[in-house]
Amino acid sequence: MARGLALSAMVFRLIQTVVIVASLMSLLTGWLLLTRADVLADAPALALVFFDLHAHGYDLGLVFFGINSLIMGLLVWRSGLFARMFGAGLAMAGLVYLCGSGLRFFAPELASAFAPAYALTILTETAFCLRLLLQRSTDHEDFRLRKNAV
């Protein structure tokens, strides 16, 4: 089951990357419109449309990242290699990404009020990153025993 979840997490992360990369084309288009504003009279207004399209594309990518974070939270929780608070934190970060993106699409007037919730994602992801960077090398036998238990 863990391998299937890990594969699912990887697929959702890959989809997120593709969606965000595709939305970068809107950002580039807006920039190109502004640099050539002398050709089009309404270039600034059109550029704003493309910038908004990029923002929506980015938030669509965060939907897939939120699902990835939920799955990663479950995997970390069940792994036994880390404190369970890291798994819970990653899962909560996933919920923040899903809620924030949902608000962006379905209730944009509430999105700015929800923005402080992203502090949880920064705190959780930074703590987990530091844990990964600063952990001491694990005993290989202990790791094998834990791996077989999962």
N, C-alpha and C. Protein backbone atom coordinates (compact mmCIF):
# COMPACT_ATOMS: atom_id res chain seq x y z
N MET A 1 0.82 -1.20 0.00
CA MET A 1 0.00 0.00 0.00
C MET A 1 0.86 1.27 0.00
N ALA A 2 2.00 1.24 0.73
CA ALA A 2 2.86 2.41 0.80
C ALA A 2 3.44 2.75 -0.57
N ARG A 3 3.78 1.71 -1.35
CA ARG A 3 4.33 2.00 -2.68
C ARG A 3 3.29 2.66 -3.58
N GLY A 4 2.05 2.20 -3.49
CA GLY A 4 0.99 2.81 -4.29
C GLY A 4 0.75 4.25 -3.89
N LEU A 5 0.78 4.52 -2.59
CA LEU A 5 0.61 5.89 -2.13
C LEU A 5 1.78 6.77 -2.57
N ALA A 6 2.98 6.23 -2.48
CA ALA A 6 4.16 7.00 -2.90
C ALA A 6 4.09 7.31 -4.39
N LEU A 7 3.66 6.34 -5.17
CA LEU A 7 3.52 6.57 -6.61
C LEU A 7 2.44 7.61 -6.89
N SER A 8 1.33 7.54 -6.16
CA SER A 8 0.26 8.53 -6.33
C SER A 8 0.76 9.93 -5.97
N ALA A 9 1.52 10.03 -4.89
CA ALA A 9 2.07 11.33 -4.49
C ALA A 9 2.97 11.89 -5.58
N MET A 10 3.79 11.01 -6.18
CA MET A 10 4.69 11.45 -7.24
C MET A 10 3.90 11.94 -8.46
N VAL A 11 2.83 11.23 -8.80
CA VAL A 11 2.03 11.61 -9.96
C VAL A 11 1.36 12.96 -9.73
N PHE A 12 0.80 13.16 -8.53
CA PHE A 12 0.16 14.45 -8.25
C PHE A 12 1.18 15.58 -8.24
N ARG A 13 2.38 15.32 -7.76
CA ARG A 13 3.42 16.35 -7.77
C ARG A 13 3.84 16.67 -9.20
N LEU A 14 3.91 15.65 -10.05
CA LEU A 14 4.26 15.86 -11.46
C LEU A 14 3.17 16.67 -12.16
N ILE A 15 1.91 16.36 -11.90
CA ILE A 15 0.80 17.12 -12.49
C ILE A 15 0.88 18.57 -12.05
N GLN A 16 1.16 18.79 -10.77
CA GLN A 16 1.29 20.15 -10.26
C GLN A 16 2.37 20.91 -11.02
N THR A 17 3.49 20.27 -11.25
CA THR A 17 4.59 20.91 -11.96
C THR A 17 4.19 21.28 -13.38
N VAL A 18 3.54 20.36 -14.07
CA VAL A 18 3.12 20.61 -15.45
C VAL A 18 2.12 21.77 -15.51
N VAL A 19 1.16 21.80 -14.59
CA VAL A 19 0.15 22.87 -14.59
C VAL A 19 0.81 24.22 -14.33
N ILE A 20 1.71 24.28 -13.37
CA ILE A 20 2.36 25.56 -13.05
C ILE A 20 3.27 26.01 -14.18
N VAL A 21 3.98 25.09 -14.79
CA VAL A 21 4.84 25.45 -15.93
C VAL A 21 3.98 25.97 -17.08
N ALA A 22 2.84 25.33 -17.33
CA ALA A 22 1.95 25.80 -18.40
C ALA A 22 1.42 27.20 -18.08
N SER A 23 1.14 27.47 -16.81
CA SER A 23 0.62 28.80 -16.46
C SER A 23 1.69 29.88 -16.58
N LEU A 24 2.95 29.49 -16.57
CA LEU A 24 4.02 30.47 -16.76
C LEU A 24 3.96 31.12 -18.15
N MET A 25 3.38 30.41 -19.11
CA MET A 25 3.23 30.99 -20.45
C MET A 25 2.33 32.23 -20.40
N SER A 26 1.33 32.21 -19.52
CA SER A 26 0.47 33.38 -19.37
C SER A 26 1.25 34.55 -18.78
N LEU A 27 2.12 34.25 -17.84
CA LEU A 27 2.95 35.30 -17.25
C LEU A 27 3.88 35.91 -18.30
N LEU A 28 4.49 35.06 -19.11
CA LEU A 28 5.36 35.53 -20.18
C LEU A 28 4.59 36.34 -21.21
N THR A 29 3.38 35.89 -21.53
CA THR A 29 2.56 36.62 -22.50
C THR A 29 2.23 38.02 -21.98
N GLY A 30 1.86 38.13 -20.70
CA GLY A 30 1.57 39.43 -20.11
C GLY A 30 2.78 40.35 -20.16
N TRP A 31 3.94 39.78 -19.85
CA TRP A 31 5.17 40.57 -19.90
C TRP A 31 5.47 41.04 -21.32
N LEU A 32 5.30 40.15 -22.30
CA LEU A 32 5.54 40.52 -23.69
C LEU A 32 4.58 41.62 -24.14
N LEU A 33 3.34 41.54 -23.71
CA LEU A 33 2.38 42.59 -24.05
C LEU A 33 2.82 43.94 -23.49
N LEU A 34 3.31 43.94 -22.27
CA LEU A 34 3.73 45.21 -21.66
C LEU A 34 4.99 45.77 -22.30
N THR A 35 5.89 44.92 -22.74
CA THR A 35 7.12 45.41 -23.36
C THR A 35 6.87 45.92 -24.77
N ARG A 36 5.76 45.51 -25.33
CA ARG A 36 5.40 45.98 -26.68
C ARG A 36 4.09 46.76 -26.64
N ALA A 37 3.90 47.52 -25.59
CA ALA A 37 2.65 48.25 -25.37
C ALA A 37 2.39 49.30 -26.44
N ASP A 38 3.41 49.75 -27.14
CA ASP A 38 3.22 50.78 -28.17
C ASP A 38 2.46 50.23 -29.38
N VAL A 39 2.44 48.91 -29.56
CA VAL A 39 1.76 48.30 -30.70
C VAL A 39 0.26 48.16 -30.44
N LEU A 40 -0.11 47.81 -29.22
CA LEU A 40 -1.51 47.63 -28.86
C LEU A 40 -1.95 48.74 -27.90
N ALA A 41 -3.10 49.34 -28.19
CA ALA A 41 -3.58 50.42 -27.34
C ALA A 41 -4.02 49.91 -25.96
N ASP A 42 -4.64 48.74 -25.91
CA ASP A 42 -5.13 48.21 -24.64
C ASP A 42 -4.23 47.11 -24.07
N ALA A 43 -2.94 47.20 -24.36
CA ALA A 43 -1.99 46.18 -23.90
C ALA A 43 -1.96 46.04 -22.38
N PRO A 44 -1.97 47.13 -21.60
CA PRO A 44 -1.95 46.95 -20.14
C PRO A 44 -3.16 46.18 -19.60
N ALA A 45 -4.33 46.46 -20.13
CA ALA A 45 -5.53 45.75 -19.68
C ALA A 45 -5.46 44.28 -20.08
N LEU A 46 -4.99 44.02 -21.27
CA LEU A 46 -4.85 42.64 -21.74
C LEU A 46 -3.78 41.90 -20.94
N ALA A 47 -2.71 42.60 -20.59
CA ALA A 47 -1.66 41.98 -19.78
C ALA A 47 -2.20 41.57 -18.41
N LEU A 48 -3.06 42.39 -17.82
CA LEU A 48 -3.67 42.05 -16.53
C LEU A 48 -4.50 40.77 -16.62
N VAL A 49 -5.18 40.58 -17.74
CA VAL A 49 -5.94 39.34 -17.94
C VAL A 49 -5.00 38.14 -17.93
N PHE A 50 -3.89 38.26 -18.62
CA PHE A 50 -2.93 37.15 -18.65
C PHE A 50 -2.28 36.92 -17.28
N PHE A 51 -2.02 37.99 -16.53
CA PHE A 51 -1.46 37.83 -15.19
C PHE A 51 -2.47 37.12 -14.27
N ASP A 52 -3.75 37.46 -14.42
CA ASP A 52 -4.79 36.80 -13.64
C ASP A 52 -4.92 35.32 -14.04
N LEU A 53 -4.77 35.06 -15.32
CA LEU A 53 -4.81 33.67 -15.80
C LEU A 53 -3.65 32.87 -15.19
N HIS A 54 -2.48 33.50 -15.11
CA HIS A 54 -1.33 32.83 -14.48
C HIS A 54 -1.63 32.52 -13.01
N ALA A 55 -2.21 33.48 -12.29
CA ALA A 55 -2.52 33.27 -10.87
C ALA A 55 -3.50 32.11 -10.69
N HIS A 56 -4.50 32.04 -11.56
CA HIS A 56 -5.45 30.93 -11.48
C HIS A 56 -4.78 29.60 -11.83
N GLY A 57 -3.90 29.62 -12.79
CA GLY A 57 -3.17 28.40 -13.15
C GLY A 57 -2.28 27.92 -12.01
N TYR A 58 -1.67 28.87 -11.32
CA TYR A 58 -0.83 28.52 -10.18
C TYR A 58 -1.67 27.88 -9.08
N ASP A 59 -2.83 28.47 -8.81
CA ASP A 59 -3.70 27.90 -7.78
C ASP A 59 -4.26 26.55 -8.19
N LEU A 60 -4.48 26.34 -9.47
CA LEU A 60 -4.89 25.01 -9.93
C LEU A 60 -3.77 24.00 -9.66
N GLY A 61 -2.55 24.41 -9.88
CA GLY A 61 -1.42 23.54 -9.55
C GLY A 61 -1.36 23.23 -8.07
N LEU A 62 -1.74 24.19 -7.22
CA LEU A 62 -1.73 23.96 -5.78
C LEU A 62 -2.79 22.95 -5.34
N VAL A 63 -3.83 22.77 -6.14
CA VAL A 63 -4.80 21.71 -5.83
C VAL A 63 -4.09 20.36 -5.86
N PHE A 64 -3.32 20.13 -6.90
CA PHE A 64 -2.59 18.87 -7.03
C PHE A 64 -1.49 18.76 -5.96
N PHE A 65 -0.87 19.88 -5.62
CA PHE A 65 0.14 19.87 -4.57
C PHE A 65 -0.51 19.58 -3.22
N GLY A 66 -1.72 20.10 -3.01
CA GLY A 66 -2.44 19.82 -1.77
C GLY A 66 -2.74 18.33 -1.62
N ILE A 67 -3.15 17.69 -2.71
CA ILE A 67 -3.39 16.25 -2.66
C ILE A 67 -2.08 15.52 -2.38
N ASN A 68 -1.01 15.96 -3.03
CA ASN A 68 0.31 15.39 -2.78
C ASN A 68 0.69 15.53 -1.31
N SER A 69 0.44 16.67 -0.73
CA SER A 69 0.80 16.91 0.67
C SER A 69 -0.01 16.01 1.61
N LEU A 70 -1.28 15.81 1.29
CA LEU A 70 -2.10 14.90 2.10
C LEU A 70 -1.52 13.48 2.08
N ILE A 71 -1.17 13.03 0.89
CA ILE A 71 -0.61 11.68 0.75
C ILE A 71 0.75 11.59 1.45
N MET A 72 1.59 12.60 1.27
CA MET A 72 2.90 12.60 1.92
C MET A 72 2.75 12.63 3.45
N GLY A 73 1.76 13.37 3.93
CA GLY A 73 1.50 13.39 5.36
C GLY A 73 1.15 12.01 5.89
N LEU A 74 0.32 11.30 5.15
CA LEU A 74 -0.05 9.94 5.53
C LEU A 74 1.17 9.02 5.52
N LEU A 75 2.00 9.13 4.47
CA LEU A 75 3.19 8.30 4.38
C LEU A 75 4.18 8.57 5.52
N VAL A 76 4.38 9.85 5.83
CA VAL A 76 5.28 10.21 6.92
C VAL A 76 4.71 9.73 8.25
N TRP A 77 3.42 9.88 8.44
CA TRP A 77 2.75 9.44 9.67
C TRP A 77 2.96 7.95 9.90
N ARG A 78 2.79 7.17 8.83
CA ARG A 78 2.86 5.72 8.95
C ARG A 78 4.27 5.16 8.88
N SER A 79 5.24 5.95 8.48
CA SER A 79 6.59 5.43 8.25
C SER A 79 7.29 4.99 9.52
N GLY A 80 7.06 5.67 10.60
CA GLY A 80 7.78 5.37 11.82
C GLY A 80 9.20 5.95 11.83
N LEU A 81 9.61 6.59 10.77
CA LEU A 81 10.95 7.18 10.69
C LEU A 81 11.01 8.60 11.24
N PHE A 82 9.86 9.23 11.36
CA PHE A 82 9.78 10.61 11.82
C PHE A 82 8.69 10.71 12.88
N ALA A 83 8.75 11.78 13.65
CA ALA A 83 7.68 12.03 14.61
C ALA A 83 6.37 12.21 13.84
N ARG A 84 5.31 11.69 14.40
CA ARG A 84 4.01 11.76 13.70
C ARG A 84 3.53 13.20 13.49
N MET A 85 4.04 14.12 14.29
CA MET A 85 3.62 15.51 14.11
C MET A 85 4.00 16.04 12.72
N PHE A 86 5.08 15.51 12.15
CA PHE A 86 5.45 15.94 10.80
C PHE A 86 4.41 15.47 9.79
N GLY A 87 3.96 14.25 9.93
CA GLY A 87 2.92 13.73 9.04
C GLY A 87 1.63 14.52 9.18
N ALA A 88 1.25 14.79 10.42
CA ALA A 88 0.03 15.57 10.65
C ALA A 88 0.17 16.98 10.08
N GLY A 89 1.34 17.57 10.26
CA GLY A 89 1.59 18.92 9.73
C GLY A 89 1.53 18.97 8.22
N LEU A 90 2.13 17.98 7.56
CA LEU A 90 2.08 17.94 6.09
C LEU A 90 0.65 17.75 5.60
N ALA A 91 -0.12 16.92 6.30
CA ALA A 91 -1.51 16.72 5.90
C ALA A 91 -2.32 18.01 6.10
N MET A 92 -2.07 18.70 7.20
CA MET A 92 -2.78 19.97 7.43
C MET A 92 -2.37 21.01 6.38
N ALA A 93 -1.10 21.00 5.99
CA ALA A 93 -0.66 21.92 4.93
C ALA A 93 -1.40 21.59 3.64
N GLY A 94 -1.58 20.31 3.35
CA GLY A 94 -2.35 19.92 2.18
C GLY A 94 -3.76 20.46 2.21
N LEU A 95 -4.38 20.41 3.39
CA LEU A 95 -5.74 20.96 3.52
C LEU A 95 -5.75 22.47 3.30
N VAL A 96 -4.71 23.14 3.78
CA VAL A 96 -4.61 24.60 3.56
C VAL A 96 -4.52 24.90 2.06
N TYR A 97 -3.68 24.14 1.34
CA TYR A 97 -3.56 24.36 -0.10
C TYR A 97 -4.88 24.10 -0.82
N LEU A 98 -5.57 23.05 -0.44
CA LEU A 98 -6.85 22.72 -1.09
C LEU A 98 -7.90 23.78 -0.78
N CYS A 99 -7.98 24.20 0.47
CA CYS A 99 -8.96 25.23 0.84
C CYS A 99 -8.64 26.56 0.18
N GLY A 100 -7.37 26.94 0.20
CA GLY A 100 -6.98 28.21 -0.41
C GLY A 100 -7.26 28.26 -1.89
N SER A 101 -6.98 27.17 -2.58
CA SER A 101 -7.26 27.13 -4.02
C SER A 101 -8.76 27.09 -4.28
N GLY A 102 -9.47 26.36 -3.44
CA GLY A 102 -10.93 26.32 -3.59
C GLY A 102 -11.54 27.70 -3.42
N LEU A 103 -11.05 28.44 -2.43
CA LEU A 103 -11.54 29.80 -2.24
C LEU A 103 -11.21 30.69 -3.42
N ARG A 104 -10.03 30.52 -3.97
CA ARG A 104 -9.62 31.33 -5.13
C ARG A 104 -10.59 31.15 -6.29
N PHE A 105 -11.05 29.91 -6.49
CA PHE A 105 -11.94 29.63 -7.62
C PHE A 105 -13.41 29.88 -7.30
N PHE A 106 -13.85 29.56 -6.08
CA PHE A 106 -15.28 29.57 -5.80
C PHE A 106 -15.74 30.70 -4.89
N ALA A 107 -14.83 31.32 -4.16
CA ALA A 107 -15.18 32.46 -3.30
C ALA A 107 -13.98 33.39 -3.20
N PRO A 108 -13.61 34.02 -4.32
CA PRO A 108 -12.38 34.84 -4.33
C PRO A 108 -12.39 35.99 -3.33
N GLU A 109 -13.56 36.45 -2.94
CA GLU A 109 -13.63 37.54 -1.97
C GLU A 109 -13.15 37.10 -0.58
N LEU A 110 -13.14 35.80 -0.31
CA LEU A 110 -12.68 35.29 0.98
C LEU A 110 -11.21 34.86 0.97
N ALA A 111 -10.60 34.82 -0.20
CA ALA A 111 -9.23 34.31 -0.32
C ALA A 111 -8.23 35.13 0.48
N SER A 112 -8.37 36.44 0.49
CA SER A 112 -7.40 37.26 1.22
C SER A 112 -7.53 37.08 2.73
N ALA A 113 -8.72 36.80 3.22
CA ALA A 113 -8.90 36.54 4.65
C ALA A 113 -8.29 35.20 5.05
N PHE A 114 -8.20 34.28 4.11
CA PHE A 114 -7.65 32.95 4.38
C PHE A 114 -6.13 32.93 4.27
N ALA A 115 -5.55 33.93 3.64
CA ALA A 115 -4.11 33.96 3.36
C ALA A 115 -3.22 33.71 4.59
N PRO A 116 -3.54 34.21 5.78
CA PRO A 116 -2.67 33.93 6.93
C PRO A 116 -2.54 32.44 7.26
N ALA A 117 -3.47 31.61 6.81
CA ALA A 117 -3.39 30.17 7.06
C ALA A 117 -2.17 29.56 6.37
N TYR A 118 -1.67 30.22 5.35
CA TYR A 118 -0.48 29.71 4.66
C TYR A 118 0.76 29.74 5.55
N ALA A 119 0.69 30.47 6.67
CA ALA A 119 1.81 30.45 7.63
C ALA A 119 2.01 29.03 8.17
N LEU A 120 0.92 28.28 8.30
CA LEU A 120 1.03 26.89 8.74
C LEU A 120 1.84 26.06 7.75
N THR A 121 1.64 26.30 6.46
CA THR A 121 2.39 25.54 5.46
C THR A 121 3.88 25.89 5.52
N ILE A 122 4.17 27.16 5.71
CA ILE A 122 5.57 27.59 5.79
C ILE A 122 6.24 26.96 7.01
N LEU A 123 5.56 27.01 8.14
CA LEU A 123 6.11 26.45 9.37
C LEU A 123 6.33 24.94 9.25
N THR A 124 5.31 24.24 8.77
CA THR A 124 5.39 22.78 8.67
C THR A 124 6.47 22.34 7.69
N GLU A 125 6.45 22.91 6.50
CA GLU A 125 7.40 22.49 5.48
C GLU A 125 8.84 22.85 5.86
N THR A 126 9.02 24.00 6.50
CA THR A 126 10.36 24.39 6.96
C THR A 126 10.85 23.45 8.05
N ALA A 127 9.98 23.11 9.00
CA ALA A 127 10.36 22.20 10.07
C ALA A 127 10.72 20.82 9.52
N PHE A 128 9.94 20.33 8.59
CA PHE A 128 10.22 19.01 8.02
C PHE A 128 11.51 19.04 7.20
N CYS A 129 11.72 20.10 6.47
CA CYS A 129 12.95 20.25 5.68
C CYS A 129 14.17 20.27 6.61
N LEU A 130 14.09 21.04 7.68
CA LEU A 130 15.21 21.09 8.62
C LEU A 130 15.44 19.73 9.27
N ARG A 131 14.36 19.02 9.56
CA ARG A 131 14.51 17.67 10.13
C ARG A 131 15.24 16.75 9.17
N LEU A 132 14.90 16.84 7.90
CA LEU A 132 15.57 16.00 6.90
C LEU A 132 17.04 16.39 6.74
N LEU A 133 17.30 17.68 6.77
CA LEU A 133 18.68 18.15 6.58
C LEU A 133 19.58 17.87 7.78
N LEU A 134 19.01 17.93 8.97
CA LEU A 134 19.83 17.85 10.17
C LEU A 134 19.84 16.48 10.84
N GLN A 135 19.07 15.55 10.33
CA GLN A 135 19.05 14.24 10.99
C GLN A 135 20.38 13.54 10.79
N ARG A 136 20.74 12.77 11.77
CA ARG A 136 21.95 11.98 11.66
C ARG A 136 21.67 10.77 10.81
N SER A 137 22.67 10.22 10.26
CA SER A 137 22.56 9.02 9.44
C SER A 137 21.93 7.91 10.27
N THR A 138 20.93 7.23 9.70
CA THR A 138 20.25 6.17 10.44
C THR A 138 21.01 4.87 10.34
N ASP A 139 20.92 4.08 11.36
CA ASP A 139 21.52 2.76 11.37
C ASP A 139 20.83 1.92 10.30
N HIS A 140 21.59 1.32 9.42
CA HIS A 140 21.01 0.58 8.30
C HIS A 140 20.14 -0.58 8.75
N GLU A 141 20.52 -1.27 9.80
CA GLU A 141 19.73 -2.40 10.29
C GLU A 141 18.38 -1.91 10.83
N ASP A 142 18.44 -0.81 11.59
CA ASP A 142 17.21 -0.24 12.13
C ASP A 142 16.30 0.20 11.00
N PHE A 143 16.88 0.81 9.95
CA PHE A 143 16.09 1.25 8.81
C PHE A 143 15.43 0.07 8.10
N ARG A 144 16.17 -1.02 7.93
CA ARG A 144 15.61 -2.20 7.26
C ARG A 144 14.46 -2.79 8.07
N LEU A 145 14.60 -2.81 9.38
CA LEU A 145 13.53 -3.35 10.22
C LEU A 145 12.27 -2.49 10.11
N ARG A 146 12.44 -1.19 10.11
CA ARG A 146 11.29 -0.29 9.98
C ARG A 146 10.67 -0.40 8.59
N LYS A 147 11.50 -0.51 7.59
CA LYS A 147 11.01 -0.63 6.21
C LYS A 147 10.17 -1.90 6.04
N ASN A 148 10.63 -3.00 6.61
CA ASN A 148 9.88 -4.25 6.52
C ASN A 148 8.59 -4.21 7.31
N ALA A 149 8.53 -3.38 8.35
CA ALA A 149 7.32 -3.27 9.16
C ALA A 149 6.23 -2.52 8.41
N VAL A 150 6.61 -1.61 7.50
CA VAL A 150 5.65 -0.82 6.74
C VAL A 150 5.16 -1.66 5.61
